[in-house]
Every structure is written in C-alpha cells, then in structure tokens.
Amino acid sequence: MMYPWLWRHLPGPVWVRVGTLTLAAVGLLALCFLWLFPAIAPLMPFNNTTVGGAQ
C-alpha cells in the first residue's frame, strides 16, 4: 500500500515521478552500502570464522 500512496503524492508528470523514485532508490542503496552496512558489520556473527585457522 506504500507504493500507490507514494506515487499519488509525488509532483509532476510520469517521467518526473520515475526519475524521483529512481534517485531515491539509488540514494537509499548508497546510504546502506556506504554507512549502514559497514557500521553493523562488526556486530554480525559470520565475521568470526575459523576456516584455515585450526591445524
């Protein structure tokens, strides 16, 4: 139900709406990959691996 609401509330013709949503999606992905994921990476349990460490 979020997408129809968002589409109705964006201003401009269809091409402006598509561009706005594309820029928002790219910005959100950049935010996640540049700040969010590196911030939570040390808290993830799969960082403590022992492959190749035990002999």
N, C-alpha and C. Protein backbone atom coordinates (compact mmCIF):
# COMPACT_ATOMS: atom_id res chain seq x y z
N MET A 1 0.81 -1.19 0.00
CA MET A 1 0.00 0.00 0.00
C MET A 1 0.86 1.26 0.00
N MET A 2 2.15 1.14 0.26
CA MET A 2 3.02 2.31 0.30
C MET A 2 3.25 2.87 -1.10
N TYR A 3 3.42 2.01 -2.10
CA TYR A 3 3.78 2.49 -3.42
C TYR A 3 2.68 3.30 -4.08
N PRO A 4 1.42 2.89 -4.04
CA PRO A 4 0.37 3.77 -4.60
C PRO A 4 0.28 5.11 -3.88
N TRP A 5 0.44 5.12 -2.57
CA TRP A 5 0.40 6.38 -1.83
C TRP A 5 1.55 7.29 -2.26
N LEU A 6 2.74 6.71 -2.38
CA LEU A 6 3.90 7.47 -2.78
C LEU A 6 3.73 8.01 -4.20
N TRP A 7 3.24 7.20 -5.10
CA TRP A 7 3.04 7.60 -6.49
C TRP A 7 2.03 8.75 -6.59
N ARG A 8 0.97 8.69 -5.82
CA ARG A 8 -0.05 9.75 -5.86
C ARG A 8 0.45 11.07 -5.30
N HIS A 9 1.38 11.02 -4.35
CA HIS A 9 1.82 12.25 -3.69
C HIS A 9 3.05 12.88 -4.31
N LEU A 10 3.66 12.24 -5.28
CA LEU A 10 4.79 12.85 -5.96
C LEU A 10 4.29 13.86 -7.00
N PRO A 11 4.95 15.01 -7.10
CA PRO A 11 4.51 16.01 -8.07
C PRO A 11 5.05 15.73 -9.47
N GLY A 12 4.42 16.31 -10.47
CA GLY A 12 4.93 16.28 -11.83
C GLY A 12 4.36 15.16 -12.68
N PRO A 13 4.79 15.17 -13.95
CA PRO A 13 4.34 14.11 -14.87
C PRO A 13 5.04 12.78 -14.56
N VAL A 14 4.68 11.77 -15.31
CA VAL A 14 5.16 10.42 -15.04
C VAL A 14 6.68 10.35 -15.09
N TRP A 15 7.31 10.98 -16.07
CA TRP A 15 8.77 10.87 -16.19
C TRP A 15 9.48 11.52 -15.01
N VAL A 16 8.90 12.56 -14.43
CA VAL A 16 9.49 13.19 -13.25
C VAL A 16 9.33 12.28 -12.04
N ARG A 17 8.19 11.64 -11.92
CA ARG A 17 7.96 10.71 -10.81
C ARG A 17 8.92 9.53 -10.88
N VAL A 18 9.09 8.98 -12.07
CA VAL A 18 10.01 7.85 -12.24
C VAL A 18 11.43 8.28 -11.90
N GLY A 19 11.84 9.45 -12.36
CA GLY A 19 13.17 9.94 -12.04
C GLY A 19 13.37 10.17 -10.56
N THR A 20 12.36 10.74 -9.91
CA THR A 20 12.44 10.98 -8.47
C THR A 20 12.56 9.67 -7.70
N LEU A 21 11.75 8.69 -8.06
CA LEU A 21 11.82 7.40 -7.37
C LEU A 21 13.13 6.67 -7.66
N THR A 22 13.66 6.82 -8.87
CA THR A 22 14.94 6.20 -9.20
C THR A 22 16.07 6.83 -8.38
N LEU A 23 16.08 8.15 -8.30
CA LEU A 23 17.10 8.83 -7.50
C LEU A 23 16.97 8.47 -6.02
N ALA A 24 15.76 8.35 -5.53
CA ALA A 24 15.55 7.98 -4.13
C ALA A 24 16.06 6.56 -3.86
N ALA A 25 15.80 5.64 -4.80
CA ALA A 25 16.26 4.26 -4.62
C ALA A 25 17.79 4.18 -4.66
N VAL A 26 18.41 4.90 -5.59
CA VAL A 26 19.87 4.91 -5.69
C VAL A 26 20.47 5.55 -4.43
N GLY A 27 19.87 6.62 -3.95
CA GLY A 27 20.35 7.26 -2.73
C GLY A 27 20.23 6.36 -1.52
N LEU A 28 19.14 5.64 -1.42
CA LEU A 28 18.95 4.71 -0.30
C LEU A 28 19.97 3.57 -0.35
N LEU A 29 20.21 3.04 -1.53
CA LEU A 29 21.23 1.98 -1.67
C LEU A 29 22.62 2.51 -1.32
N ALA A 30 22.94 3.71 -1.77
CA ALA A 30 24.24 4.29 -1.44
C ALA A 30 24.37 4.50 0.07
N LEU A 31 23.32 4.98 0.69
CA LEU A 31 23.33 5.17 2.14
C LEU A 31 23.59 3.85 2.86
N CYS A 32 22.92 2.80 2.42
CA CYS A 32 23.09 1.49 3.06
C CYS A 32 24.51 0.96 2.88
N PHE A 33 25.03 1.00 1.64
CA PHE A 33 26.34 0.42 1.38
C PHE A 33 27.50 1.24 1.92
N LEU A 34 27.33 2.57 2.02
CA LEU A 34 28.43 3.40 2.48
C LEU A 34 28.46 3.60 3.99
N TRP A 35 27.30 3.60 4.65
CA TRP A 35 27.28 3.89 6.08
C TRP A 35 26.63 2.81 6.93
N LEU A 36 25.48 2.31 6.54
CA LEU A 36 24.76 1.37 7.39
C LEU A 36 25.45 0.01 7.47
N PHE A 37 25.73 -0.61 6.33
CA PHE A 37 26.32 -1.94 6.35
C PHE A 37 27.71 -1.96 7.00
N PRO A 38 28.60 -1.00 6.71
CA PRO A 38 29.89 -1.01 7.43
C PRO A 38 29.73 -0.79 8.94
N ALA A 39 28.71 -0.06 9.34
CA ALA A 39 28.52 0.19 10.77
C ALA A 39 28.07 -1.07 11.51
N ILE A 40 27.26 -1.91 10.87
CA ILE A 40 26.76 -3.10 11.55
C ILE A 40 27.59 -4.35 11.27
N ALA A 41 28.56 -4.27 10.35
CA ALA A 41 29.37 -5.45 10.01
C ALA A 41 30.10 -6.05 11.21
N PRO A 42 30.69 -5.25 12.10
CA PRO A 42 31.36 -5.87 13.25
C PRO A 42 30.42 -6.61 14.20
N LEU A 43 29.15 -6.34 14.13
CA LEU A 43 28.19 -6.98 15.01
C LEU A 43 27.63 -8.29 14.45
N MET A 44 27.95 -8.59 13.21
CA MET A 44 27.41 -9.78 12.57
C MET A 44 28.20 -11.02 13.00
N PRO A 45 27.53 -12.13 13.26
CA PRO A 45 28.21 -13.32 13.77
C PRO A 45 29.07 -14.04 12.73
N PHE A 46 28.84 -13.83 11.45
CA PHE A 46 29.62 -14.55 10.44
C PHE A 46 31.00 -13.96 10.22
N ASN A 47 31.39 -12.94 10.98
CA ASN A 47 32.74 -12.41 10.88
C ASN A 47 33.75 -13.24 11.68
N ASN A 48 33.28 -14.11 12.56
CA ASN A 48 34.16 -14.93 13.39
C ASN A 48 34.28 -16.33 12.79
N THR A 49 35.07 -16.44 11.73
CA THR A 49 35.23 -17.73 11.07
C THR A 49 36.54 -18.38 11.51
N THR A 50 36.60 -19.70 11.38
CA THR A 50 37.81 -20.44 11.76
C THR A 50 38.33 -21.27 10.60
N VAL A 51 37.93 -20.98 9.39
CA VAL A 51 38.38 -21.75 8.23
C VAL A 51 39.86 -21.50 8.02
N GLY A 52 40.62 -22.54 8.02
CA GLY A 52 42.06 -22.44 7.80
C GLY A 52 42.85 -22.06 9.05
N GLY A 53 42.20 -21.83 10.14
CA GLY A 53 42.90 -21.40 11.34
C GLY A 53 43.31 -22.55 12.25
N ALA A 54 42.57 -23.66 12.23
CA ALA A 54 42.86 -24.79 13.13
C ALA A 54 43.69 -25.84 12.39
N GLN A 55 44.84 -26.21 12.99
CA GLN A 55 45.69 -27.23 12.38
C GLN A 55 46.11 -28.24 13.38
